[in-house]
PDB file of N, CA and C in Angstrom:
ATOM      1  N   UNK A   1      13.329  -7.721  12.080  1.00  0.00           N
ATOM      2  CA  UNK A   1      12.736  -7.049  10.943  1.00  0.00           C
ATOM      3  C   UNK A   1      13.614  -7.301   9.707  1.00  0.00           C
ATOM      4  N   UNK A   2      13.022  -7.658   8.572  1.00  0.00           N
ATOM      5  CA  UNK A   2      13.808  -7.905   7.374  1.00  0.00           C
ATOM      6  C   UNK A   2      14.416  -6.612   6.829  1.00  0.00           C
ATOM      7  N   UNK A   3      15.437  -6.769   6.022  1.00  0.00           N
ATOM      8  CA  UNK A   3      16.098  -5.620   5.404  1.00  0.00           C
ATOM      9  C   UNK A   3      15.143  -4.924   4.439  1.00  0.00           C
ATOM     10  N   UNK A   4      15.383  -3.639   4.204  1.00  0.00           N
ATOM     11  CA  UNK A   4      14.588  -2.916   3.217  1.00  0.00           C
ATOM     12  C   UNK A   4      14.874  -3.464   1.829  1.00  0.00           C
ATOM     13  N   UNK A   5      13.839  -3.551   1.003  1.00  0.00           N
ATOM     14  CA  UNK A   5      13.985  -4.032  -0.369  1.00  0.00           C
ATOM     15  C   UNK A   5      14.605  -2.974  -1.271  1.00  0.00           C
ATOM     16  N   UNK A   6      14.264  -1.720  -1.006  1.00  0.00           N
ATOM     17  CA  UNK A   6      14.776  -0.615  -1.812  1.00  0.00           C
ATOM     18  C   UNK A   6      15.031   0.584  -0.919  1.00  0.00           C
ATOM     19  N   UNK A   7      15.946   1.409  -1.376  1.00  0.00           N
ATOM     20  CA  UNK A   7      16.209   2.700  -0.749  1.00  0.00           C
ATOM     21  C   UNK A   7      16.035   3.771  -1.811  1.00  0.00           C
ATOM     22  N   UNK A   8      15.320   4.825  -1.449  1.00  0.00           N
ATOM     23  CA  UNK A   8      15.129   5.973  -2.317  1.00  0.00           C
ATOM     24  C   UNK A   8      15.943   7.107  -1.708  1.00  0.00           C
ATOM     25  N   UNK A   9      17.001   7.501  -2.409  1.00  0.00           N
ATOM     26  CA  UNK A   9      17.858   8.570  -1.920  1.00  0.00           C
ATOM     27  C   UNK A   9      17.473   9.872  -2.617  1.00  0.00           C
ATOM     28  N   UNK A  10      17.150  10.873  -1.814  1.00  0.00           N
ATOM     29  CA  UNK A  10      16.763  12.181  -2.324  1.00  0.00           C
ATOM     30  C   UNK A  10      17.862  13.157  -1.938  1.00  0.00           C
ATOM     31  N   UNK A  11      18.517  13.727  -2.941  1.00  0.00           N
ATOM     32  CA  UNK A  11      19.577  14.693  -2.660  1.00  0.00           C
ATOM     33  C   UNK A  11      18.972  15.933  -2.025  1.00  0.00           C
ATOM     34  N   UNK A  12      19.496  16.301  -0.861  1.00  0.00           N
ATOM     35  CA  UNK A  12      19.059  17.522  -0.190  1.00  0.00           C
ATOM     36  C   UNK A  12      20.250  18.440   0.081  1.00  0.00           C
ATOM     37  N   UNK A  13      21.297  18.269  -0.720  1.00  0.00           N
ATOM     38  CA  UNK A  13      22.480  19.101  -0.565  1.00  0.00           C
ATOM     39  C   UNK A  13      22.126  20.564  -0.783  1.00  0.00           C
ATOM     40  N   UNK A  14      22.776  21.427   0.005  1.00  0.00           N
ATOM     41  CA  UNK A  14      22.512  22.866  -0.113  1.00  0.00           C
ATOM     42  C   UNK A  14      23.807  23.613  -0.365  1.00  0.00           C
ATOM     43  N   UNK A  15      23.773  24.441  -1.389  1.00  0.00           N
ATOM     44  CA  UNK A  15      24.879  25.346  -1.692  1.00  0.00           C
ATOM     45  C   UNK A  15      24.345  26.777  -1.611  1.00  0.00           C
ATOM     46  N   UNK A  16      25.251  27.696  -1.472  1.00  0.00           N
ATOM     47  CA  UNK A  16      24.895  29.101  -1.522  1.00  0.00           C
ATOM     48  C   UNK A  16      24.330  29.423  -2.903  1.00  0.00           C
ATOM     49  N   UNK A  17      23.384  30.319  -2.955  1.00  0.00           N
ATOM     50  CA  UNK A  17      22.759  30.711  -4.234  1.00  0.00           C
ATOM     51  C   UNK A  17      23.790  31.200  -5.247  1.00  0.00           C
ATOM     52  N   UNK A  18      24.918  31.723  -4.781  1.00  0.00           N
ATOM     53  CA  UNK A  18      25.937  32.256  -5.688  1.00  0.00           C
ATOM     54  C   UNK A  18      26.932  31.197  -6.169  1.00  0.00           C
ATOM     55  N   UNK A  19      26.784  29.952  -5.731  1.00  0.00           N
ATOM     56  CA  UNK A  19      27.709  28.881  -6.123  1.00  0.00           C
ATOM     57  C   UNK A  19      27.658  28.636  -7.629  1.00  0.00           C
ATOM     58  N   UNK A  20      28.731  28.083  -8.157  1.00  0.00           N
ATOM     59  CA  UNK A  20      28.828  27.811  -9.594  1.00  0.00           C
ATOM     60  C   UNK A  20      27.827  26.757 -10.056  1.00  0.00           C
ATOM     61  N   UNK A  21      27.496  25.825  -9.177  1.00  0.00           N
ATOM     62  CA  UNK A  21      26.537  24.776  -9.517  1.00  0.00           C
ATOM     63  C   UNK A  21      25.304  24.927  -8.637  1.00  0.00           C
ATOM     64  N   UNK A  22      24.138  24.549  -9.153  1.00  0.00           N
ATOM     65  CA  UNK A  22      22.920  24.640  -8.338  1.00  0.00           C
ATOM     66  C   UNK A  22      22.907  23.566  -7.254  1.00  0.00           C
ATOM     67  N   UNK A  23      21.936  23.648  -6.367  1.00  0.00           N
ATOM     68  CA  UNK A  23      21.808  22.615  -5.341  1.00  0.00           C
ATOM     69  C   UNK A  23      20.368  22.143  -5.258  1.00  0.00           C
ATOM     70  N   UNK A  24      20.217  20.874  -4.945  1.00  0.00           N
ATOM     71  CA  UNK A  24      18.890  20.264  -4.909  1.00  0.00           C
ATOM     72  C   UNK A  24      17.995  20.879  -3.841  1.00  0.00           C
ATOM     73  N   UNK A  25      18.553  21.202  -2.688  1.00  0.00           N
ATOM     74  CA  UNK A  25      17.714  21.782  -1.621  1.00  0.00           C
ATOM     75  C   UNK A  25      17.093  23.087  -2.102  1.00  0.00           C
ATOM     76  N   UNK A  26      17.861  23.894  -2.832  1.00  0.00           N
ATOM     77  CA  UNK A  26      17.337  25.161  -3.336  1.00  0.00           C
ATOM     78  C   UNK A  26      16.287  24.951  -4.422  1.00  0.00           C
ATOM     79  N   UNK A  27      16.189  23.737  -4.956  1.00  0.00           N
ATOM     80  CA  UNK A  27      15.199  23.401  -5.986  1.00  0.00           C
ATOM     81  C   UNK A  27      13.977  22.688  -5.393  1.00  0.00           C
ATOM     82  N   UNK A  28      13.890  22.621  -4.063  1.00  0.00           N
ATOM     83  CA  UNK A  28      12.706  22.053  -3.423  1.00  0.00           C
ATOM     84  C   UNK A  28      12.836  20.621  -2.949  1.00  0.00           C
ATOM     85  N   UNK A  29      14.051  20.145  -2.739  1.00  0.00           N
ATOM     86  CA  UNK A  29      14.254  18.745  -2.375  1.00  0.00           C
ATOM     87  C   UNK A  29      13.691  18.381  -1.005  1.00  0.00           C
ATOM     88  N   UNK A  30      13.622  19.295  -0.080  1.00  0.00           N
ATOM     89  CA  UNK A  30      13.087  18.984   1.252  1.00  0.00           C
ATOM     90  C   UNK A  30      11.611  18.587   1.146  1.00  0.00           C
ATOM     91  N   UNK A  31      10.827  19.336   0.369  1.00  0.00           N
ATOM     92  CA  UNK A  31       9.418  18.979   0.156  1.00  0.00           C
ATOM     93  C   UNK A  31       9.310  17.653  -0.579  1.00  0.00           C
ATOM     94  N   UNK A  32      10.243  17.405  -1.472  1.00  0.00           N
ATOM     95  CA  UNK A  32      10.258  16.164  -2.230  1.00  0.00           C
ATOM     96  C   UNK A  32      10.466  14.969  -1.305  1.00  0.00           C
ATOM     97  N   UNK A  33      11.414  15.095  -0.385  1.00  0.00           N
ATOM     98  CA  UNK A  33      11.667  14.007   0.565  1.00  0.00           C
ATOM     99  C   UNK A  33      10.426  13.719   1.397  1.00  0.00           C
ATOM    100  N   UNK A  34       9.784  14.762   1.878  1.00  0.00           N
ATOM    101  CA  UNK A  34       8.569  14.574   2.675  1.00  0.00           C
ATOM    102  C   UNK A  34       7.471  13.907   1.847  1.00  0.00           C
ATOM    103  N   UNK A  35       7.352  14.285   0.577  1.00  0.00           N
ATOM    104  CA  UNK A  35       6.339  13.689  -0.305  1.00  0.00           C
ATOM    105  C   UNK A  35       6.616  12.202  -0.510  1.00  0.00           C
ATOM    106  N   UNK A  36       7.894  11.823  -0.671  1.00  0.00           N
ATOM    107  CA  UNK A  36       8.237  10.403  -0.815  1.00  0.00           C
ATOM    108  C   UNK A  36       7.900   9.623   0.443  1.00  0.00           C
ATOM    109  N   UNK A  37       8.244  10.168   1.594  1.00  0.00           N
ATOM    110  CA  UNK A  37       7.955   9.465   2.850  1.00  0.00           C
ATOM    111  C   UNK A  37       6.450   9.228   2.989  1.00  0.00           C
ATOM    112  N   UNK A  38       5.658  10.245   2.705  1.00  0.00           N
ATOM    113  CA  UNK A  38       4.201  10.114   2.807  1.00  0.00           C
ATOM    114  C   UNK A  38       3.649   9.112   1.796  1.00  0.00           C
ATOM    115  N   UNK A  39       4.099   9.190   0.544  1.00  0.00           N
ATOM    116  CA  UNK A  39       3.582   8.303  -0.508  1.00  0.00           C
ATOM    117  C   UNK A  39       3.970   6.853  -0.254  1.00  0.00           C
ATOM    118  N   UNK A  40       5.173   6.636   0.237  1.00  0.00           N
ATOM    119  CA  UNK A  40       5.620   5.269   0.561  1.00  0.00           C
ATOM    120  C   UNK A  40       4.769   4.705   1.700  1.00  0.00           C
ATOM    121  N   UNK A  41       4.513   5.507   2.702  1.00  0.00           N
ATOM    122  CA  UNK A  41       3.670   5.079   3.814  1.00  0.00           C
ATOM    123  C   UNK A  41       2.245   4.791   3.328  1.00  0.00           C
ATOM    124  N   UNK A  42       1.699   5.711   2.520  1.00  0.00           N
ATOM    125  CA  UNK A  42       0.333   5.538   2.012  1.00  0.00           C
ATOM    126  C   UNK A  42       0.188   4.293   1.134  1.00  0.00           C
ATOM    127  N   UNK A  43       1.273   3.900   0.466  1.00  0.00           N
ATOM    128  CA  UNK A  43       1.244   2.710  -0.383  1.00  0.00           C
ATOM    129  C   UNK A  43       1.444   1.426   0.423  1.00  0.00           C
ATOM    130  N   UNK A  44       1.613   1.564   1.730  1.00  0.00           N
ATOM    131  CA  UNK A  44       1.806   0.398   2.584  1.00  0.00           C
ATOM    132  C   UNK A  44       3.191  -0.216   2.482  1.00  0.00           C
ATOM    133  N   UNK A  45       4.172   0.603   2.085  1.00  0.00           N
ATOM    134  CA  UNK A  45       5.530   0.100   1.848  1.00  0.00           C
ATOM    135  C   UNK A  45       6.539   0.573   2.896  1.00  0.00           C
ATOM    136  N   UNK A  46       6.056   1.142   3.976  1.00  0.00           N
ATOM    137  CA  UNK A  46       6.940   1.747   4.973  1.00  0.00           C
ATOM    138  C   UNK A  46       8.032   0.798   5.474  1.00  0.00           C
ATOM    139  N   UNK A  47       7.740  -0.478   5.583  1.00  0.00           N
ATOM    140  CA  UNK A  47       8.731  -1.418   6.119  1.00  0.00           C
ATOM    141  C   UNK A  47       9.516  -2.144   5.025  1.00  0.00           C
ATOM    142  N   UNK A  48       9.197  -1.848   3.764  1.00  0.00           N
ATOM    143  CA  UNK A  48       9.928  -2.465   2.653  1.00  0.00           C
ATOM    144  C   UNK A  48      10.825  -1.479   1.909  1.00  0.00           C
ATOM    145  N   UNK A  49      10.417  -0.205   1.905  1.00  0.00           N
ATOM    146  CA  UNK A  49      11.148   0.811   1.141  1.00  0.00           C
ATOM    147  C   UNK A  49      11.425   1.992   2.052  1.00  0.00           C
ATOM    148  N   UNK A  50      12.643   2.460   1.998  1.00  0.00           N
ATOM    149  CA  UNK A  50      13.071   3.563   2.864  1.00  0.00           C
ATOM    150  C   UNK A  50      13.437   4.780   2.026  1.00  0.00           C
ATOM    151  N   UNK A  51      12.848   5.930   2.344  1.00  0.00           N
ATOM    152  CA  UNK A  51      13.220   7.201   1.720  1.00  0.00           C
ATOM    153  C   UNK A  51      14.265   7.863   2.607  1.00  0.00           C
ATOM    154  N   UNK A  52      15.404   8.183   2.009  1.00  0.00           N
ATOM    155  CA  UNK A  52      16.523   8.743   2.753  1.00  0.00           C
ATOM    156  C   UNK A  52      16.969  10.070   2.168  1.00  0.00           C
ATOM    157  N   UNK A  53      17.290  11.020   3.045  1.00  0.00           N
ATOM    158  CA  UNK A  53      17.967  12.234   2.583  1.00  0.00           C
ATOM    159  C   UNK A  53      19.389  11.848   2.217  1.00  0.00           C
ATOM    160  N   UNK A  54      19.897  12.500   1.205  1.00  0.00           N
ATOM    161  CA  UNK A  54      21.265  12.238   0.787  1.00  0.00           C
ATOM    162  C   UNK A  54      22.013  13.552   0.667  1.00  0.00           C
ATOM    163  N   UNK A  55      23.313  13.469   0.852  1.00  0.00           N
ATOM    164  CA  UNK A  55      24.159  14.599   0.507  1.00  0.00           C
ATOM    165  C   UNK A  55      24.276  14.656  -1.003  1.00  0.00           C
ATOM    166  N   UNK A  56      25.212  15.429  -1.485  1.00  0.00           N
ATOM    167  CA  UNK A  56      25.379  15.647  -2.921  1.00  0.00           C
ATOM    168  C   UNK A  56      25.602  14.331  -3.670  1.00  0.00           C
ATOM    169  N   UNK A  57      24.820  14.143  -4.734  1.00  0.00           N
ATOM    170  CA  UNK A  57      24.956  12.974  -5.608  1.00  0.00           C
ATOM    171  C   UNK A  57      25.689  13.347  -6.899  1.00  0.00           C
ATOM    172  N   UNK A  58      26.207  14.561  -6.968  1.00  0.00           N
ATOM    173  CA  UNK A  58      26.993  15.085  -8.086  1.00  0.00           C
ATOM    174  C   UNK A  58      26.229  15.080  -9.406  1.00  0.00           C
ATOM    175  N   UNK A  59      24.943  15.320  -9.310  1.00  0.00           N
ATOM    176  CA  UNK A  59      24.095  15.472 -10.500  1.00  0.00           C
ATOM    177  C   UNK A  59      23.352  16.802 -10.372  1.00  0.00           C
ATOM    178  N   UNK A  60      24.044  17.805  -9.889  1.00  0.00           N
ATOM    179  CA  UNK A  60      23.465  19.077  -9.459  1.00  0.00           C
ATOM    180  C   UNK A  60      22.617  19.760 -10.529  1.00  0.00           C
ATOM    181  N   UNK A  61      23.036  19.693 -11.771  1.00  0.00           N
ATOM    182  CA  UNK A  61      22.313  20.356 -12.849  1.00  0.00           C
ATOM    183  C   UNK A  61      21.000  19.659 -13.199  1.00  0.00           C
ATOM    184  N   UNK A  62      20.753  18.510 -12.586  1.00  0.00           N
ATOM    185  CA  UNK A  62      19.541  17.740 -12.844  1.00  0.00           C
ATOM    186  C   UNK A  62      18.582  17.764 -11.655  1.00  0.00           C
ATOM    187  N   UNK A  63      18.828  18.647 -10.712  1.00  0.00           N
ATOM    188  CA  UNK A  63      18.104  18.620  -9.459  1.00  0.00           C
ATOM    189  C   UNK A  63      16.697  19.151  -9.491  1.00  0.00           C
ATOM    190  N   UNK A  64      15.939  18.670  -8.543  1.00  0.00           N
ATOM    191  CA  UNK A  64      16.279  17.685  -7.530  1.00  0.00           C
ATOM    192  C   UNK A  64      16.464  16.285  -8.130  1.00  0.00           C
ATOM    193  N   UNK A  65      17.422  15.585  -7.562  1.00  0.00           N
ATOM    194  CA  UNK A  65      17.801  14.260  -8.041  1.00  0.00           C
ATOM    195  C   UNK A  65      17.383  13.203  -7.024  1.00  0.00           C
ATOM    196  N   UNK A  66      16.906  12.071  -7.556  1.00  0.00           N
ATOM    197  CA  UNK A  66      16.494  10.931  -6.747  1.00  0.00           C
ATOM    198  C   UNK A  66      17.111   9.691  -7.380  1.00  0.00           C
ATOM    199  N   UNK A  67      17.635   8.802  -6.546  1.00  0.00           N
ATOM    200  CA  UNK A  67      18.152   7.529  -7.059  1.00  0.00           C
ATOM    201  C   UNK A  67      17.547   6.399  -6.234  1.00  0.00           C
ATOM    202  N   UNK A  68      17.121   5.346  -6.926  1.00  0.00           N
ATOM    203  CA  UNK A  68      16.514   4.183  -6.278  1.00  0.00           C
ATOM    204  C   UNK A  68      17.510   3.029  -6.347  1.00  0.00           C
ATOM    205  N   UNK A  69      17.869   2.502  -5.182  1.00  0.00           N
ATOM    206  CA  UNK A  69      18.755   1.345  -5.098  1.00  0.00           C
ATOM    207  C   UNK A  69      18.014   0.191  -4.443  1.00  0.00           C
ATOM    208  N   UNK A  70      18.292  -1.051  -4.840  1.00  0.00           N
ATOM    209  CA  UNK A  70      19.435  -1.493  -5.621  1.00  0.00           C
ATOM    210  C   UNK A  70      19.252  -1.394  -7.138  1.00  0.00           C
ATOM    211  N   UNK A  71      18.159  -0.784  -7.588  1.00  0.00           N
ATOM    212  CA  UNK A  71      17.879  -0.727  -9.025  1.00  0.00           C
ATOM    213  C   UNK A  71      18.837   0.176  -9.803  1.00  0.00           C
ATOM    214  N   UNK A  72      19.503   1.100  -9.121  1.00  0.00           N
ATOM    215  CA  UNK A  72      20.395   2.074  -9.757  1.00  0.00           C
ATOM    216  C   UNK A  72      19.666   2.867 -10.839  1.00  0.00           C
ATOM    217  N   UNK A  73      18.448   3.278 -10.520  1.00  0.00           N
ATOM    218  CA  UNK A  73      17.663   4.116 -11.423  1.00  0.00           C
ATOM    219  C   UNK A  73      17.751   5.548 -10.909  1.00  0.00           C
ATOM    220  N   UNK A  74      18.258   6.424 -11.782  1.00  0.00           N
ATOM    221  CA  UNK A  74      18.458   7.833 -11.448  1.00  0.00           C
ATOM    222  C   UNK A  74      17.361   8.671 -12.089  1.00  0.00           C
ATOM    223  N   UNK A  75      16.736   9.513 -11.264  1.00  0.00           N
ATOM    224  CA  UNK A  75      15.713  10.428 -11.741  1.00  0.00           C
ATOM    225  C   UNK A  75      16.199  11.861 -11.563  1.00  0.00           C
ATOM    226  N   UNK A  76      15.859  12.711 -12.522  1.00  0.00           N
ATOM    227  CA  UNK A  76      16.236  14.114 -12.430  1.00  0.00           C
ATOM    228  C   UNK A  76      15.053  15.030 -12.634  1.00  0.00           C
ATOM    229  N   UNK A  77      15.227  16.251 -12.138  1.00  0.00           N
ATOM    230  CA  UNK A  77      14.208  17.294 -12.261  1.00  0.00           C
ATOM    231  C   UNK A  77      12.881  16.835 -11.636  1.00  0.00           C
ATOM    232  N   UNK A  78      12.964  16.084 -10.543  1.00  0.00           N
ATOM    233  CA  UNK A  78      11.783  15.509  -9.895  1.00  0.00           C
ATOM    234  C   UNK A  78      11.086  16.574  -9.053  1.00  0.00           C
ATOM    235  N   UNK A  79       9.779  16.609  -9.160  1.00  0.00           N
ATOM    236  CA  UNK A  79       8.942  17.538  -8.402  1.00  0.00           C
ATOM    237  C   UNK A  79       7.962  16.726  -7.548  1.00  0.00           C
ATOM    238  N   UNK A  80       7.424  17.336  -6.495  1.00  0.00           N
ATOM    239  CA  UNK A  80       6.471  16.604  -5.657  1.00  0.00           C
ATOM    240  C   UNK A  80       5.316  15.988  -6.448  1.00  0.00           C
ATOM    241  N   UNK A  81       4.885  16.622  -7.522  1.00  0.00           N
ATOM    242  CA  UNK A  81       3.786  16.076  -8.326  1.00  0.00           C
ATOM    243  C   UNK A  81       4.179  14.767  -9.027  1.00  0.00           C
ATOM    244  N   UNK A  82       5.480  14.474  -9.124  1.00  0.00           N
ATOM    245  CA  UNK A  82       5.967  13.254  -9.767  1.00  0.00           C
ATOM    246  C   UNK A  82       6.069  12.067  -8.814  1.00  0.00           C
ATOM    247  N   UNK A  83       6.020  12.331  -7.530  1.00  0.00           N
ATOM    248  CA  UNK A  83       6.290  11.304  -6.522  1.00  0.00           C
ATOM    249  C   UNK A  83       5.309  10.135  -6.609  1.00  0.00           C
ATOM    250  N   UNK A  84       4.024  10.420  -6.700  1.00  0.00           N
ATOM    251  CA  UNK A  84       3.026   9.343  -6.738  1.00  0.00           C
ATOM    252  C   UNK A  84       3.266   8.423  -7.936  1.00  0.00           C
ATOM    253  N   UNK A  85       3.628   8.999  -9.073  1.00  0.00           N
ATOM    254  CA  UNK A  85       3.900   8.189 -10.264  1.00  0.00           C
ATOM    255  C   UNK A  85       5.121   7.295 -10.055  1.00  0.00           C
ATOM    256  N   UNK A  86       6.166   7.833  -9.452  1.00  0.00           N
ATOM    257  CA  UNK A  86       7.365   7.027  -9.182  1.00  0.00           C
ATOM    258  C   UNK A  86       7.030   5.906  -8.204  1.00  0.00           C
ATOM    259  N   UNK A  87       6.307   6.226  -7.152  1.00  0.00           N
ATOM    260  CA  UNK A  87       5.959   5.218  -6.153  1.00  0.00           C
ATOM    261  C   UNK A  87       5.102   4.120  -6.782  1.00  0.00           C
ATOM    262  N   UNK A  88       4.046   4.491  -7.479  1.00  0.00           N
ATOM    263  CA  UNK A  88       3.138   3.491  -8.038  1.00  0.00           C
ATOM    264  C   UNK A  88       3.770   2.705  -9.184  1.00  0.00           C
ATOM    265  N   UNK A  89       4.407   3.396 -10.117  1.00  0.00           N
ATOM    266  CA  UNK A  89       4.965   2.711 -11.282  1.00  0.00           C
ATOM    267  C   UNK A  89       6.228   1.924 -10.934  1.00  0.00           C
ATOM    268  N   UNK A  90       7.173   2.583 -10.274  1.00  0.00           N
ATOM    269  CA  UNK A  90       8.475   1.952 -10.028  1.00  0.00           C
ATOM    270  C   UNK A  90       8.485   1.122  -8.741  1.00  0.00           C
ATOM    271  N   UNK A  91       8.132   1.747  -7.626  1.00  0.00           N
ATOM    272  CA  UNK A  91       8.283   1.053  -6.351  1.00  0.00           C
ATOM    273  C   UNK A  91       7.236  -0.029  -6.133  1.00  0.00           C
ATOM    274  N   UNK A  92       6.020   0.190  -6.601  1.00  0.00           N
ATOM    275  CA  UNK A  92       4.975  -0.829  -6.480  1.00  0.00           C
ATOM    276  C   UNK A  92       5.007  -1.763  -7.682  1.00  0.00           C
ATOM    277  N   UNK A  93       5.031  -1.188  -8.892  1.00  0.00           N
ATOM    278  CA  UNK A  93       4.902  -1.978 -10.117  1.00  0.00           C
ATOM    279  C   UNK A  93       6.191  -2.473 -10.738  1.00  0.00           C
ATOM    280  N   UNK A  94       7.327  -1.953 -10.289  1.00  0.00           N
ATOM    281  CA  UNK A  94       8.607  -2.407 -10.821  1.00  0.00           C
ATOM    282  C   UNK A  94       8.991  -1.820 -12.169  1.00  0.00           C
ATOM    283  N   UNK A  95       8.257  -0.795 -12.623  1.00  0.00           N
ATOM    284  CA  UNK A  95       8.534  -0.185 -13.929  1.00  0.00           C
ATOM    285  C   UNK A  95       9.004   1.254 -13.707  1.00  0.00           C
ATOM    286  N   UNK A  96      10.300   1.542 -13.950  1.00  0.00           N
ATOM    287  CA  UNK A  96      10.794   2.906 -13.781  1.00  0.00           C
ATOM    288  C   UNK A  96      10.037   3.894 -14.675  1.00  0.00           C
ATOM    289  N   UNK A  97       9.978   5.123 -14.220  1.00  0.00           N
ATOM    290  CA  UNK A  97       9.300   6.192 -14.948  1.00  0.00           C
ATOM    291  C   UNK A  97      10.304   6.785 -15.942  1.00  0.00           C
ATOM    292  N   UNK A  98      10.199   6.360 -17.189  1.00  0.00           N
ATOM    293  CA  UNK A  98      11.173   6.730 -18.224  1.00  0.00           C
ATOM    294  C   UNK A  98      11.313   8.234 -18.399  1.00  0.00           C
ATOM    295  N   UNK A  99      10.202   8.966 -18.370  1.00  0.00           N
ATOM    296  CA  UNK A  99      10.254  10.401 -18.652  1.00  0.00           C
ATOM    297  C   UNK A  99      11.079  11.183 -17.627  1.00  0.00           C
ATOM    298  N   UNK A 100      11.299  10.598 -16.450  1.00  0.00           N
ATOM    299  CA  UNK A 100      12.070  11.266 -15.406  1.00  0.00           C
ATOM    300  C   UNK A 100      13.485  10.711 -15.247  1.00  0.00           C
ATOM    301  N   UNK A 101      13.781   9.605 -15.919  1.00  0.00           N
ATOM    302  CA  UNK A 101      15.100   8.990 -15.786  1.00  0.00           C
ATOM    303  C   UNK A 101      16.166   9.855 -16.434  1.00  0.00           C
ATOM    304  N   UNK A 102      17.301   9.947 -15.756  1.00  0.00           N
ATOM    305  CA  UNK A 102      18.438  10.648 -16.336  1.00  0.00           C
ATOM    306  C   UNK A 102      19.069   9.776 -17.412  1.00  0.00           C
ATOM    307  N   UNK A 103      19.471  10.398 -18.476  1.00  0.00           N
ATOM    308  CA  UNK A 103      20.138   9.679 -19.560  1.00  0.00           C
ATOM    309  C   UNK A 103      21.468   9.129 -19.059  1.00  0.00           C
ATOM    310  N   UNK A 104      21.807   7.938 -19.500  1.00  0.00           N
ATOM    311  CA  UNK A 104      23.093   7.338 -19.124  1.00  0.00           C
ATOM    312  C   UNK A 104      24.249   8.286 -19.463  1.00  0.00           C
ATOM    313  N   UNK A 105      24.103   9.030 -20.546  1.00  0.00           N
ATOM    314  CA  UNK A 105      25.160   9.941 -20.977  1.00  0.00           C
ATOM    315  C   UNK A 105      25.343  11.121 -20.024  1.00  0.00           C
ATOM    316  N   UNK A 106      24.409  11.327 -19.108  1.00  0.00           N
ATOM    317  CA  UNK A 106      24.514  12.422 -18.140  1.00  0.00           C
ATOM    318  C   UNK A 106      25.072  11.979 -16.790  1.00  0.00           C
ATOM    319  N   UNK A 107      25.204  10.693 -16.570  1.00  0.00           N
ATOM    320  CA  UNK A 107      25.678  10.189 -15.286  1.00  0.00           C
ATOM    321  C   UNK A 107      27.196  10.057 -15.278  1.00  0.00           C
ATOM    322  N   UNK A 108      27.804  10.573 -14.228  1.00  0.00           N
ATOM    323  CA  UNK A 108      29.246  10.433 -14.009  1.00  0.00           C
ATOM    324  C   UNK A 108      30.085  10.896 -15.191  1.00  0.00           C
ATOM    325  N   UNK A 109      29.741  12.042 -15.725  1.00  0.00           N
ATOM    326  CA  UNK A 109      30.490  12.594 -16.846  1.00  0.00           C
ATOM    327  C   UNK A 109      30.557  14.110 -16.738  1.00  0.00           C
ATOM    328  N   UNK A 110      31.579  14.676 -17.270  1.00  0.00           N
ATOM    329  CA  UNK A 110      31.684  16.137 -17.300  1.00  0.00           C
ATOM    330  C   UNK A 110      31.158  16.689 -18.621  1.00  0.00           C
ATOM    331  N   UNK A 111      30.707  15.817 -19.501  1.00  0.00           N
ATOM    332  CA  UNK A 111      30.259  16.222 -20.828  1.00  0.00           C
ATOM    333  C   UNK A 111      28.748  16.342 -20.983  1.00  0.00           C
ATOM    334  N   UNK A 112      27.999  16.184 -19.927  1.00  0.00           N
ATOM    335  CA  UNK A 112      26.546  16.280 -19.991  1.00  0.00           C
ATOM    336  C   UNK A 112      26.139  17.660 -20.511  1.00  0.00           C
ATOM    337  N   UNK A 113      25.150  17.730 -21.393  1.00  0.00           N
ATOM    338  CA  UNK A 113      24.730  19.029 -21.922  1.00  0.00           C
ATOM    339  C   UNK A 113      24.155  19.964 -20.853  1.00  0.00           C
ATOM    340  N   UNK A 114      23.807  19.434 -19.691  1.00  0.00           N
ATOM    341  CA  UNK A 114      23.258  20.273 -18.622  1.00  0.00           C
ATOM    342  C   UNK A 114      24.342  20.903 -17.762  1.00  0.00           C
ATOM    343  N   UNK A 115      25.545  20.372 -17.822  1.00  0.00           N
ATOM    344  CA  UNK A 115      26.643  20.889 -16.976  1.00  0.00           C
ATOM    345  C   UNK A 115      26.958  22.331 -17.330  1.00  0.00           C
ATOM    346  N   UNK A 116      27.173  23.101 -16.297  1.00  0.00           N
ATOM    347  CA  UNK A 116      27.539  24.499 -16.484  1.00  0.00           C
ATOM    348  C   UNK A 116      26.357  25.422 -16.723  1.00  0.00           C
ATOM    349  N   UNK A 117      25.143  24.853 -16.769  1.00  0.00           N
ATOM    350  CA  UNK A 117      23.948  25.675 -16.977  1.00  0.00           C
ATOM    351  C   UNK A 117      23.226  25.852 -15.649  1.00  0.00           C
ATOM    352  N   UNK A 118      22.978  27.068 -15.291  1.00  0.00           N
ATOM    353  CA  UNK A 118      22.170  27.335 -14.092  1.00  0.00           C
ATOM    354  C   UNK A 118      20.740  27.540 -14.538  1.00  0.00           C
ATOM    355  N   UNK A 119      19.835  27.135 -13.692  1.00  0.00           N
ATOM    356  CA  UNK A 119      18.406  27.293 -14.020  1.00  0.00           C
ATOM    357  C   UNK A 119      17.992  28.732 -13.876  1.00  0.00           C
TER     358      UNK A 119
END
């Protein structure tokens, strides 16, 4: 079997509700992962694209967070209603969904305007 063309990592990290930072699982990431698996299968991409649960991706304030590799496209605040658009536009059509992409200025930085804010 050939290697997967893309991997979709869905953060499903869970923290206690009282933690200083939010967690993707508490924002509905488990349903999101299931929605990706179903949409990828329905699009006929099951053997080309793999949806994977991930531990913390350190983008907690943007959760639920999804990253597509090898494209290195980061999505934030993703909801199950967004999954079909990501699958069709990005995974099928090769065009990332701009409205859901995290700003470069928010990745791997402590200065993101979302840091320190709980939903």
